[in-house]
């Protein structure tokens, strides 16, 4: 490769060019110029060669999938009774409590705070996509006392931003689903999963010393992983109707 290749010139250092000029490039026809050019002249040649360089292509920043405008009501079981959640730290609702509300066909809104591509691969039935970085649909969430539950996979960061945004707008009945979507899935609660979705890792099992703490046995709550390519078995929760 000769020194006038613009892509090559964009990737080499001045030190490399100086060495090539002074020592030549055997076995090519380029001769050594050491002792024939002054340091200033060598610097001029390097500057000229660098002016021919073609900047390396910079890949564009990744584009996040677009967020779609909601065309349906986000309310699950619109004719159902209001649910009464008990929150941890005035913020967190357990996956079990949310699952029970769906099983009892209670009125609720569930928001997926991840990117739309993640939502497509895996989400809770009836949930609506509301990426934490694009809240264009937030004003379509009813502020009438209906509980609004957000979840992500962090398990609290993205969903926490959505809940914070709702609370700033005066929504009082809001919460983050504790542990995130993967924990919900691995509790064998119903999810909608793309056929080609990569299986998610199971949560680590509980580890306790023999006999538990101070001799009291503590049962493990670890859940076995879901087989690759499978969908969490139905638990009696049908895909909820919308208004």
Foldseek 3Di string as FASTA:
>chain_A
DDLLPQQVLQPDDLVVQLCCQQCPDPPDPGHHCNVPDDPVVSVVVNVVSNVSHDHDDDDDPDDFDDADADPFQLKFLVVAAADDFDADVLAEGELVSVLVCLLNSHIAGEEEQDGVVVVQAKDAQSYGYAHLVHRPHVVSHDQPNHAYEYAYQVGCDRSVSSQVVVVVVPRNRYHYYPNGDQQSQQVLEFMDGDQPHFFDDFDDKDDADVCGPPNPDDDIPGGDGDPTRDGRDYDNRDRGDTD
